[in-house]
Amino acid sequence: MENLVKLAREGRLEQGLGLTFGTHRPNPVERVAYDIEELVRDYRVGRRADGSPYRFLIKTYGCQMNEHDTEVMSGLLLAMGYEQSDSDENADFILFNTCAVRENAEAKVFGEIGRLRPLKAKNPELLLGLCGCMAQEQGVQKMVLEKFPWVDVVFGTHNIHRLPAILTAAKQSQETVMEVWDKAAETVEDIPKVRKDSVRAWVNIQYGCNKFCTYCIVPYTRGRERSREPEDVINEVRELVAAGYKEITLLGQNVNDYGVDLGTITFAQLLRAVNDIEGIDRIRFTTSNPWNFTDDLIAAIAECEHVVEHIHLPVQSGNNEILRRMNRTHTREYYLQLVNKIRKAIPDVSLTTDIIVGFPGETEAAFQDTLSLVREVQFDNAFTFIYSPRENTPAAKFADEVTLEEKKDRLRRLNDVQYQISLARNQALKGRVVEVLVEGESKTNREVLTGRTRTNHLVLFPGDISLKGQHVDVEITNPQTFLLKGQCVYREEVVS
């Protein structure tokens, strides 16, 4: 067989395998509903000649969007006849669903791919794949072709539904099969998913990002903002509620912007519609850019009884000059005003955030502005990072005079402040009885259950697994920095 990569670059691969390489897709994005039987009809390569199934293993890195993509790909693979594996050694197809937000995540993935090369030599039928945000980067594509030729499959974030065709091509080839679309041609509906949780479920409402923060690679790997039609979102949530799911998280890179491209609905209106679904229990959403966080959205969160009191609101910096260089579109003053409005409308709200330290141009004075904002807002928790330049983002070209030692020191000092705040806020809950949705057993102790409050606090307490999926009252006895420990106060309906 001819070299598939060579064919792709010559534009001839589409003829033989229906694949494309780096092809610009047409706009506008179209909604396409697939019949799963039709989608996999010609690609039932998940079973051997004797009828026994091949096994797959997906290793997922990064955000909840990637976790949800893994659920979709698992659904496709099961439809093709594959079964899930629980180990590298038992797998016939190992797929890395990757994140490109931070450099060390990429290094970890390539380290894992290198580690699996001997396993591939032992099992000639083993296929290795790379997908997700890393696959969208041209530098990563080039590296795979030049340094990791034992990778069989590479595809991006815009054509996950093409997995059956891509995997079939890989089984017929001795070369890397690479299909990476620059843009999304379709918003794909009706593909089955393998939910990894029986209590909580993710529902995409939007894809992509238009914000172009100078440090962020997401607009280049996920594309421009695209909203799902509201009826598709509502129908998926209804099906999940009917299946017994207790908590639904609405996912998007910027959920506040949901519906802007549709012109017929806002995120606040969608929240109210989801809240009105019969049998719905808890509704979460992530992530919210401070921009476009309207008064109507605040009112919707406050009014809807099933929307929980937790908002993840990334600030990234407390200094206006750094925010300007980041192209964050909000100022320190705007952010603080927004927090005050949210807390006035939702007094018990839990606020979490993302913060980057060591961004190019960040002086000690600018860093002190971040510390003072953290002290003023009193976040329940913060996800903190050292700035990591990403290839082809504007910030990667900025002169960076902040040394690694200074960055590490600032991260340590920021965490010291936030950890003290988190502990103090958790200690204020000691002796209180909180409602917890039980998610399952602790990973380290099967006699301990884990769950979350409406405000997204993690709670550990002794109990029986029969409580999974139920709401229980827990008295907090031992609040810690990152979690709460307590004792279950049984309700009558639970023990009856």
Protein backbone atom coordinates (compact mmCIF):
# COMPACT_ATOMS: atom_id res chain seq x y z
CA MET A 1 0.00 0.00 0.00
CA GLU A 2 1.22 3.51 -0.81
CA ASN A 3 2.38 5.74 1.99
CA LEU A 4 -0.86 7.19 3.42
CA VAL A 5 0.77 10.36 4.69
CA LYS A 6 2.23 11.00 1.22
CA LEU A 7 -1.19 10.42 -0.33
CA ALA A 8 -2.79 12.80 2.15
CA ARG A 9 -0.33 15.56 1.39
CA GLU A 10 -0.98 15.08 -2.32
CA GLY A 11 -4.72 15.30 -1.72
CA ARG A 12 -5.41 11.76 -2.96
CA LEU A 13 -6.19 9.98 0.32
CA GLU A 14 -9.86 11.00 0.23
CA GLN A 15 -10.35 8.89 -2.90
CA GLY A 16 -9.27 5.63 -1.30
CA LEU A 17 -10.22 5.93 2.35
CA GLY A 18 -12.51 8.91 2.70
CA LEU A 19 -9.95 10.75 4.84
CA THR A 20 -8.63 14.29 4.83
CA PHE A 21 -5.43 15.87 6.09
CA GLY A 22 -5.55 19.37 7.55
CA THR A 23 -8.56 20.27 5.41
CA HIS A 24 -10.38 23.56 5.98
CA ARG A 25 -14.02 22.69 6.55
CA PRO A 26 -16.89 24.84 5.23
CA ASN A 27 -18.90 27.32 7.29
CA PRO A 28 -21.47 27.66 8.68
CA VAL A 29 -21.46 24.63 10.95
CA GLU A 30 -24.32 22.28 10.21
CA ARG A 31 -26.31 20.15 12.65
CA VAL A 32 -26.12 16.50 11.64
CA ALA A 33 -28.00 13.68 13.37
CA TYR A 34 -26.45 10.26 12.78
CA ASP A 35 -28.02 6.84 12.74
CA ILE A 36 -25.42 4.92 14.70
CA GLU A 37 -26.07 1.75 12.70
CA GLU A 38 -25.40 3.64 9.48
CA LEU A 39 -22.32 5.32 10.98
CA VAL A 40 -20.61 2.02 11.83
CA ARG A 41 -22.19 -0.24 9.20
CA ASP A 42 -19.04 -0.55 7.08
CA TYR A 43 -16.63 -0.37 9.99
CA ARG A 44 -17.34 -3.35 12.22
CA VAL A 45 -13.66 -4.05 12.72
CA GLY A 46 -13.98 -4.55 16.46
CA ARG A 47 -14.05 -8.35 16.26
CA ARG A 48 -11.61 -10.99 15.10
CA ALA A 49 -12.37 -13.61 12.47
CA ASP A 50 -13.41 -16.05 15.21
CA GLY A 51 -15.93 -13.53 16.57
CA SER A 52 -13.99 -12.63 19.73
CA PRO A 53 -13.86 -8.88 20.45
CA TYR A 54 -10.89 -6.60 20.25
CA ARG A 55 -10.44 -4.46 23.35
CA PHE A 56 -9.85 -0.73 23.67
CA LEU A 57 -8.46 1.55 26.36
CA ILE A 58 -8.76 5.35 26.27
CA LYS A 59 -6.38 7.38 28.42
CA THR A 60 -7.90 10.81 29.03
CA TYR A 61 -6.01 13.97 29.94
CA GLY A 62 -7.25 17.49 30.66
CA CYS A 63 -10.65 19.03 31.14
CA GLN A 64 -14.22 17.78 31.46
CA MET A 65 -14.67 18.43 27.73
CA ASN A 66 -12.08 15.74 27.06
CA GLU A 67 -13.77 13.41 29.54
CA HIS A 68 -17.01 13.87 27.64
CA ASP A 69 -15.29 13.26 24.28
CA THR A 70 -13.99 9.97 25.70
CA GLU A 71 -17.55 8.96 26.53
CA VAL A 72 -18.53 9.59 22.89
CA MET A 73 -15.58 7.66 21.46
CA SER A 74 -16.24 4.76 23.83
CA GLY A 75 -19.81 4.63 22.55
CA LEU A 76 -18.60 4.47 18.96
CA LEU A 77 -16.08 1.73 19.70
CA LEU A 78 -18.66 -0.42 21.48
CA ALA A 79 -20.97 -0.01 18.49
CA MET A 80 -18.12 -1.26 16.28
CA GLY A 81 -17.88 -4.46 18.32
CA TYR A 82 -15.01 -3.55 20.65
CA GLU A 83 -15.02 -4.18 24.39
CA GLN A 84 -13.37 -2.05 27.06
CA SER A 85 -10.04 -3.10 28.58
CA ASP A 86 -8.76 -2.27 32.03
CA SER A 87 -5.03 -2.54 31.23
CA ASP A 88 -2.45 -1.80 28.56
CA GLU A 89 -1.49 -5.46 28.29
CA ASN A 90 -5.04 -6.61 27.46
CA ALA A 91 -5.81 -3.82 24.98
CA ASP A 92 -5.73 -4.05 21.19
CA PHE A 93 -6.33 -0.32 20.69
CA ILE A 94 -4.91 2.27 23.09
CA LEU A 95 -6.03 5.85 22.43
CA PHE A 96 -4.58 8.96 24.10
CA ASN A 97 -7.23 11.71 24.35
CA THR A 98 -4.97 14.66 25.01
CA CYS A 99 -4.82 18.18 26.41
CA ALA A 100 -2.65 20.94 24.97
CA VAL A 101 -3.18 23.63 27.60
CA ARG A 102 0.11 22.98 29.41
CA GLU A 103 3.50 21.87 28.12
CA ASN A 104 4.06 19.23 30.81
CA ALA A 105 0.84 17.47 29.76
CA GLU A 106 2.25 17.01 26.26
CA ALA A 107 5.53 15.69 27.61
CA LYS A 108 3.65 13.17 29.75
CA VAL A 109 1.69 11.86 26.76
CA PHE A 110 4.76 11.40 24.59
CA GLY A 111 6.50 9.68 27.49
CA GLU A 112 3.60 7.22 27.73
CA ILE A 113 3.63 6.60 23.97
CA GLY A 114 7.35 5.87 24.14
CA ARG A 115 6.81 3.50 27.05
CA LEU A 116 4.29 1.48 25.03
CA ARG A 117 6.56 0.86 22.06
CA PRO A 118 7.88 -2.48 23.42
CA LEU A 119 4.30 -3.59 24.10
CA LYS A 120 3.43 -2.90 20.49
CA ALA A 121 6.36 -5.07 19.41
CA LYS A 122 4.98 -7.95 21.49
CA ASN A 123 1.46 -7.56 20.09
CA PRO A 124 1.52 -6.91 16.31
CA GLU A 125 -2.23 -6.25 16.29
CA LEU A 126 -1.98 -3.47 18.89
CA LEU A 127 -2.90 -0.05 17.50
CA LEU A 128 -1.91 3.22 19.20
CA GLY A 129 -3.80 6.46 18.65
CA LEU A 130 -3.48 10.14 19.51
CA CYS A 131 -6.48 12.47 19.48
CA GLY A 132 -7.77 15.57 21.23
CA CYS A 133 -6.26 19.03 21.48
CA MET A 134 -2.62 17.99 21.04
CA ALA A 135 -3.49 16.44 17.69
CA GLN A 136 -4.68 19.83 16.40
CA GLU A 137 -1.16 21.27 16.70
CA GLN A 138 0.96 21.09 13.56
CA GLY A 139 4.10 20.74 15.67
CA VAL A 140 2.65 17.64 17.33
CA GLN A 141 1.59 16.17 13.99
CA LYS A 142 5.12 16.64 12.67
CA MET A 143 6.65 15.13 15.81
CA VAL A 144 4.46 12.03 15.54
CA LEU A 145 5.45 11.46 11.93
CA GLU A 146 9.16 12.02 12.54
CA LYS A 147 9.77 10.63 16.05
CA PHE A 148 6.84 8.34 16.90
CA PRO A 149 6.06 6.44 13.68
CA TRP A 150 4.63 3.54 15.70
CA VAL A 151 1.54 5.69 16.38
CA ASP A 152 -1.13 4.34 14.02
CA VAL A 153 -3.92 6.90 14.29
CA VAL A 154 -4.02 10.70 14.72
CA PHE A 155 -7.23 12.75 14.61
CA GLY A 156 -8.41 16.00 16.14
CA THR A 157 -11.27 17.52 18.09
CA HIS A 158 -13.54 18.33 15.14
CA ASN A 159 -14.02 14.88 13.65
CA ILE A 160 -14.47 12.45 16.54
CA HIS A 161 -17.47 10.95 14.74
CA ARG A 162 -15.05 9.83 12.00
CA LEU A 163 -13.32 7.39 14.36
CA PRO A 164 -14.85 4.26 12.76
CA ALA A 165 -13.53 5.17 9.30
CA ILE A 166 -10.13 6.29 10.60
CA LEU A 167 -9.62 3.16 12.68
CA THR A 168 -10.65 0.93 9.79
CA ALA A 169 -8.08 2.65 7.57
CA ALA A 170 -5.39 2.12 10.21
CA LYS A 171 -6.09 -1.61 10.30
CA GLN A 172 -5.48 -1.73 6.55
CA SER A 173 -2.29 0.33 6.60
CA GLN A 174 1.32 0.06 7.69
CA GLU A 175 1.59 3.84 8.02
CA THR A 176 0.25 6.51 10.34
CA VAL A 177 -3.31 7.45 9.37
CA MET A 178 -3.77 11.13 10.15
CA GLU A 179 -6.99 13.09 9.76
CA VAL A 180 -7.08 16.51 11.40
CA TRP A 181 -9.71 19.06 10.45
CA ASP A 182 -8.91 22.74 10.96
CA LYS A 183 -12.56 23.57 11.55
CA ALA A 184 -15.76 21.80 12.48
CA ALA A 185 -18.09 21.10 9.58
CA GLU A 186 -20.83 19.62 11.72
CA THR A 187 -22.37 19.59 15.16
CA VAL A 188 -22.98 15.87 15.49
CA GLU A 189 -25.98 14.55 17.40
CA ASP A 190 -27.34 11.12 18.36
CA ILE A 191 -24.03 9.31 18.90
CA PRO A 192 -24.22 6.93 21.89
CA LYS A 193 -22.02 7.59 24.89
CA VAL A 194 -20.55 5.38 27.57
CA ARG A 195 -21.09 7.35 30.75
CA LYS A 196 -18.35 6.64 33.28
CA ASP A 197 -20.61 7.67 36.16
CA SER A 198 -24.12 6.54 37.05
CA VAL A 199 -24.92 9.55 39.24
CA ARG A 200 -23.43 12.52 37.35
CA ALA A 201 -23.46 13.23 33.62
CA TRP A 202 -21.88 15.86 31.35
CA VAL A 203 -23.87 17.53 28.59
CA ASN A 204 -22.13 19.68 26.00
CA ILE A 205 -24.08 22.84 25.20
CA GLN A 206 -21.32 24.66 23.33
CA TYR A 207 -17.98 24.01 21.64
CA GLY A 208 -15.00 26.25 20.97
CA CYS A 209 -13.98 29.72 22.11
CA ASN A 210 -13.92 33.20 20.54
CA LYS A 211 -12.04 34.98 23.33
CA PHE A 212 -8.45 34.47 22.12
CA CYS A 213 -6.73 35.06 25.45
CA THR A 214 -3.10 35.55 24.46
CA TYR A 215 -1.85 32.58 26.52
CA CYS A 216 -4.55 30.10 25.49
CA ILE A 217 -4.42 27.51 22.72
CA VAL A 218 -8.08 26.44 23.01
CA PRO A 219 -9.44 28.64 20.15
CA TYR A 220 -6.89 26.98 17.87
CA THR A 221 -7.58 23.42 19.02
CA ARG A 222 -11.34 23.61 19.62
CA GLY A 223 -12.27 26.26 17.04
CA ARG A 224 -14.80 29.08 17.22
CA GLU A 225 -17.83 29.05 19.52
CA ARG A 226 -20.64 26.81 18.31
CA SER A 227 -23.85 26.30 20.30
CA ARG A 228 -25.98 23.18 20.17
CA GLU A 229 -29.63 23.67 19.36
CA PRO A 230 -31.63 24.05 22.59
CA GLU A 231 -33.99 21.19 21.73
CA ASP A 232 -31.00 18.84 21.39
CA VAL A 233 -29.72 19.87 24.81
CA ILE A 234 -33.15 19.56 26.41
CA ASN A 235 -33.77 16.14 24.88
CA GLU A 236 -30.41 14.80 26.07
CA VAL A 237 -31.03 16.06 29.61
CA ARG A 238 -34.52 14.53 29.61
CA GLU A 239 -33.06 11.15 28.60
CA LEU A 240 -30.46 11.33 31.35
CA VAL A 241 -33.04 12.22 33.99
CA ALA A 242 -35.22 9.34 32.81
CA ALA A 243 -32.18 7.05 33.11
CA GLY A 244 -31.78 8.03 36.77
CA TYR A 245 -28.94 10.56 36.66
CA LYS A 246 -29.08 12.94 39.61
CA GLU A 247 -26.66 15.67 38.57
CA ILE A 248 -26.25 17.25 35.13
CA THR A 249 -23.29 19.50 34.29
CA LEU A 250 -23.72 21.76 31.26
CA LEU A 251 -20.36 22.04 29.52
CA GLY A 252 -18.82 24.73 27.34
CA GLN A 253 -15.59 26.68 27.00
CA ASN A 254 -17.65 29.83 27.69
CA VAL A 255 -21.15 28.81 28.73
CA ASN A 256 -22.16 32.46 29.21
CA ASP A 257 -21.94 32.85 25.42
CA TYR A 258 -24.29 29.96 24.76
CA GLY A 259 -26.81 30.95 22.10
CA VAL A 260 -25.00 34.07 20.89
CA ASP A 261 -24.38 32.41 17.52
CA LEU A 262 -27.96 31.08 17.38
CA GLY A 263 -29.57 34.44 18.06
CA THR A 264 -32.70 32.87 19.51
CA ILE A 265 -31.80 31.92 23.10
CA THR A 266 -29.47 32.92 25.92
CA PHE A 267 -27.71 30.82 28.53
CA ALA A 268 -30.04 32.20 31.21
CA GLN A 269 -33.04 31.04 29.19
CA LEU A 270 -31.48 27.60 28.67
CA LEU A 271 -30.87 27.25 32.43
CA ARG A 272 -34.52 28.02 33.12
CA ALA A 273 -35.63 25.49 30.50
CA VAL A 274 -33.42 22.75 31.93
CA ASN A 275 -34.58 23.64 35.45
CA ASP A 276 -38.19 23.03 34.36
CA ILE A 277 -37.54 19.46 33.16
CA GLU A 278 -39.66 17.12 35.24
CA GLY A 279 -37.57 15.04 37.65
CA ILE A 280 -34.37 17.09 37.31
CA ASP A 281 -32.31 17.13 40.51
CA ARG A 282 -29.09 19.14 40.39
CA ILE A 283 -27.76 21.35 37.58
CA ARG A 284 -24.17 22.55 37.35
CA PHE A 285 -22.36 24.41 34.59
CA THR A 286 -18.76 25.16 33.66
CA THR A 287 -16.91 27.25 32.65
CA SER A 288 -18.00 30.87 32.93
CA ASN A 289 -15.87 33.66 31.55
CA PRO A 290 -16.53 36.83 33.59
CA TRP A 291 -17.42 38.51 30.31
CA ASN A 292 -21.13 38.34 29.40
CA PHE A 293 -22.12 37.25 32.91
CA THR A 294 -25.39 39.16 32.69
CA ASP A 295 -27.76 40.29 35.41
CA ASP A 296 -30.37 37.96 33.91
CA LEU A 297 -27.96 35.02 34.26
CA ILE A 298 -27.36 35.88 37.92
CA ALA A 299 -31.12 36.07 38.43
CA ALA A 300 -31.64 32.70 36.71
CA ILE A 301 -29.07 31.00 38.97
CA ALA A 302 -30.70 32.54 42.03
CA GLU A 303 -34.26 31.67 40.96
CA CYS A 304 -33.83 28.12 39.63
CA GLU A 305 -34.12 25.71 42.55
CA HIS A 306 -32.20 22.92 40.80
CA VAL A 307 -29.23 25.10 39.75
CA VAL A 308 -26.61 24.69 42.47
CA GLU A 309 -24.86 27.49 44.33
CA HIS A 310 -21.41 27.08 42.79
CA ILE A 311 -19.80 29.22 40.09
CA HIS A 312 -16.35 28.65 38.61
CA LEU A 313 -15.25 32.13 37.51
CA PRO A 314 -11.64 32.28 36.23
CA VAL A 315 -9.95 35.61 36.97
CA GLN A 316 -6.34 34.65 35.97
CA SER A 317 -4.80 37.83 37.46
CA GLY A 318 -5.67 40.68 39.80
CA ASN A 319 -3.66 43.29 37.89
CA ASN A 320 -5.24 45.31 35.08
CA GLU A 321 -2.09 45.57 32.96
CA ILE A 322 -1.56 41.81 33.06
CA LEU A 323 -5.26 41.24 32.29
CA ARG A 324 -4.87 43.56 29.29
CA ARG A 325 -1.82 41.65 28.08
CA MET A 326 -3.76 38.41 28.55
CA ASN A 327 -6.67 39.88 26.49
CA ARG A 328 -9.05 38.86 29.25
CA THR A 329 -11.59 41.65 28.39
CA HIS A 330 -12.41 42.23 32.07
CA THR A 331 -10.70 44.48 34.62
CA ARG A 332 -10.05 43.96 38.30
CA GLU A 333 -12.80 46.45 39.13
CA TYR A 334 -15.33 44.75 36.84
CA TYR A 335 -14.54 41.35 38.35
CA LEU A 336 -14.95 42.55 41.93
CA GLN A 337 -18.21 44.30 41.04
CA LEU A 338 -19.46 41.08 39.43
CA VAL A 339 -18.55 39.05 42.52
CA ASN A 340 -20.45 41.51 44.71
CA LYS A 341 -23.55 41.26 42.50
CA ILE A 342 -23.40 37.46 42.54
CA ARG A 343 -23.03 37.29 46.32
CA LYS A 344 -25.84 39.77 46.85
CA ALA A 345 -28.21 37.66 44.76
CA ILE A 346 -26.89 34.25 45.95
CA PRO A 347 -25.62 34.72 49.53
CA ASP A 348 -24.43 31.12 50.04
CA VAL A 349 -22.65 30.87 46.69
CA SER A 350 -19.31 29.07 46.46
CA LEU A 351 -16.82 30.74 44.11
CA THR A 352 -13.80 29.03 42.59
CA THR A 353 -11.33 30.38 40.06
CA ASP A 354 -8.23 29.88 37.90
CA ILE A 355 -5.08 31.97 38.39
CA ILE A 356 -1.86 32.14 36.38
CA VAL A 357 1.35 33.41 37.96
CA GLY A 358 4.51 34.47 36.16
CA PHE A 359 2.83 35.73 33.00
CA PRO A 360 5.29 37.75 30.85
CA GLY A 361 5.54 41.23 32.30
CA GLU A 362 4.23 40.32 35.74
CA THR A 363 6.14 42.38 38.27
CA GLU A 364 6.16 41.77 42.00
CA ALA A 365 3.71 44.67 42.35
CA ALA A 366 1.39 43.06 39.79
CA PHE A 367 1.59 39.77 41.66
CA GLN A 368 0.70 41.57 44.90
CA ASP A 369 -2.47 42.81 43.15
CA THR A 370 -3.41 39.17 42.56
CA LEU A 371 -2.81 38.30 46.20
CA SER A 372 -4.93 41.23 47.36
CA LEU A 373 -7.78 40.23 45.02
CA VAL A 374 -7.67 36.67 46.36
CA ARG A 375 -7.86 37.98 49.92
CA GLU A 376 -10.74 40.30 49.02
CA VAL A 377 -12.86 37.75 47.13
CA GLN A 378 -12.23 34.85 49.53
CA PHE A 379 -12.53 32.06 46.97
CA ASP A 380 -13.53 28.64 48.26
CA ASN A 381 -10.83 27.15 46.06
CA ALA A 382 -8.49 28.16 43.25
CA PHE A 383 -6.71 26.23 40.53
CA THR A 384 -3.31 27.87 40.26
CA PHE A 385 -0.70 27.53 37.52
CA ILE A 386 2.71 28.73 36.48
CA TYR A 387 2.52 30.35 33.05
CA SER A 388 3.46 27.90 30.32
CA PRO A 389 3.99 29.29 26.78
CA ARG A 390 2.06 27.46 24.09
CA GLU A 391 3.28 27.34 20.52
CA ASN A 392 1.56 29.78 18.10
CA THR A 393 -0.23 31.76 20.81
CA PRO A 394 0.50 35.52 20.93
CA ALA A 395 1.94 35.34 24.46
CA ALA A 396 4.57 32.84 23.30
CA LYS A 397 6.23 35.77 21.51
CA PHE A 398 6.20 38.05 24.57
CA ALA A 399 9.50 38.78 26.27
CA ASP A 400 9.46 36.79 29.51
CA GLU A 401 11.71 38.25 32.18
CA VAL A 402 10.16 36.37 35.09
CA THR A 403 12.55 33.61 36.08
CA LEU A 404 11.37 30.08 36.82
CA GLU A 405 12.52 30.51 40.42
CA GLU A 406 10.36 33.63 40.75
CA LYS A 407 7.39 31.84 39.20
CA LYS A 408 7.70 28.93 41.61
CA ASP A 409 8.03 31.29 44.56
CA ARG A 410 4.92 33.22 43.52
CA LEU A 411 2.94 30.02 43.08
CA ARG A 412 3.98 28.91 46.57
CA ARG A 413 3.00 32.25 48.13
CA LEU A 414 -0.32 32.33 46.25
CA ASN A 415 -1.15 28.80 47.37
CA ASP A 416 -0.24 29.63 50.97
CA VAL A 417 -2.78 32.47 50.93
CA GLN A 418 -5.51 30.46 49.18
CA TYR A 419 -5.01 27.37 51.36
CA GLN A 420 -5.50 29.50 54.49
CA ILE A 421 -8.69 30.97 53.02
CA SER A 422 -10.01 27.55 51.92
CA LEU A 423 -9.35 26.07 55.36
CA ALA A 424 -11.01 29.00 57.15
CA ARG A 425 -14.10 28.82 54.93
CA ASN A 426 -14.34 25.07 55.47
CA GLN A 427 -13.86 25.41 59.22
CA ALA A 428 -16.88 27.72 59.28
CA LEU A 429 -18.93 24.67 58.29
CA LYS A 430 -17.94 22.64 61.36
CA GLY A 431 -21.00 21.43 63.21
CA ARG A 432 -23.33 22.26 60.31
CA VAL A 433 -25.51 19.68 58.62
CA VAL A 434 -25.17 19.79 54.84
CA GLU A 435 -26.99 17.98 52.04
CA VAL A 436 -24.68 15.60 50.17
CA LEU A 437 -25.35 13.73 46.93
CA VAL A 438 -23.55 10.41 47.38
CA GLU A 439 -21.31 9.61 44.41
CA GLY A 440 -19.75 6.34 45.55
CA GLU A 441 -17.00 4.79 47.63
CA SER A 442 -13.73 6.46 48.52
CA LYS A 443 -10.83 5.31 46.34
CA THR A 444 -8.79 4.49 49.42
CA ASN A 445 -11.38 3.12 51.85
CA ARG A 446 -14.46 1.14 50.78
CA GLU A 447 -16.14 1.82 54.12
CA VAL A 448 -16.10 5.57 53.40
CA LEU A 449 -18.47 7.26 50.96
CA THR A 450 -17.80 10.40 48.95
CA GLY A 451 -20.21 13.01 47.71
CA ARG A 452 -20.60 16.71 47.12
CA THR A 453 -22.66 19.50 48.54
CA ARG A 454 -24.61 21.82 46.29
CA THR A 455 -21.70 24.24 46.70
CA ASN A 456 -19.34 21.58 45.27
CA HIS A 457 -17.53 20.80 48.54
CA LEU A 458 -16.17 17.25 48.63
CA VAL A 459 -17.45 15.35 51.67
CA LEU A 460 -16.22 12.01 53.08
CA PHE A 461 -18.22 10.06 55.65
CA PRO A 462 -18.75 6.44 56.79
CA GLY A 463 -21.63 4.71 55.08
CA ASP A 464 -22.89 1.85 52.95
CA ILE A 465 -22.65 1.82 49.15
CA SER A 466 -26.45 1.34 48.99
CA LEU A 467 -26.65 5.11 49.57
CA LYS A 468 -25.04 5.85 46.20
CA GLY A 469 -27.17 8.26 44.20
CA GLN A 470 -29.18 9.39 47.23
CA HIS A 471 -29.21 12.67 49.10
CA VAL A 472 -28.12 12.36 52.73
CA ASP A 473 -27.58 14.86 55.50
CA VAL A 474 -24.03 14.91 56.87
CA GLU A 475 -22.84 16.73 59.95
CA ILE A 476 -19.39 18.20 59.34
CA THR A 477 -17.04 17.12 62.14
CA ASN A 478 -13.56 17.56 60.63
CA PRO A 479 -13.21 20.28 58.00
CA GLN A 480 -9.89 20.26 56.13
CA THR A 481 -8.33 22.43 53.43
CA PHE A 482 -9.56 20.47 50.42
CA LEU A 483 -12.42 18.38 51.81
CA LEU A 484 -14.90 17.94 54.62
CA LYS A 485 -15.28 14.88 56.84
CA GLY A 486 -18.41 14.11 58.76
CA GLN A 487 -21.06 11.71 59.99
CA CYS A 488 -24.26 10.82 58.19
CA VAL A 489 -27.50 12.01 59.77
CA TYR A 490 -29.95 9.53 58.25
CA ARG A 491 -33.24 10.75 56.87
CA GLU A 492 -36.38 8.73 57.48
CA GLU A 493 -36.90 7.99 53.79
CA VAL A 494 -33.36 6.68 53.48
CA VAL A 495 -33.61 4.09 56.26
CA SER A 496 -37.20 3.00 55.58
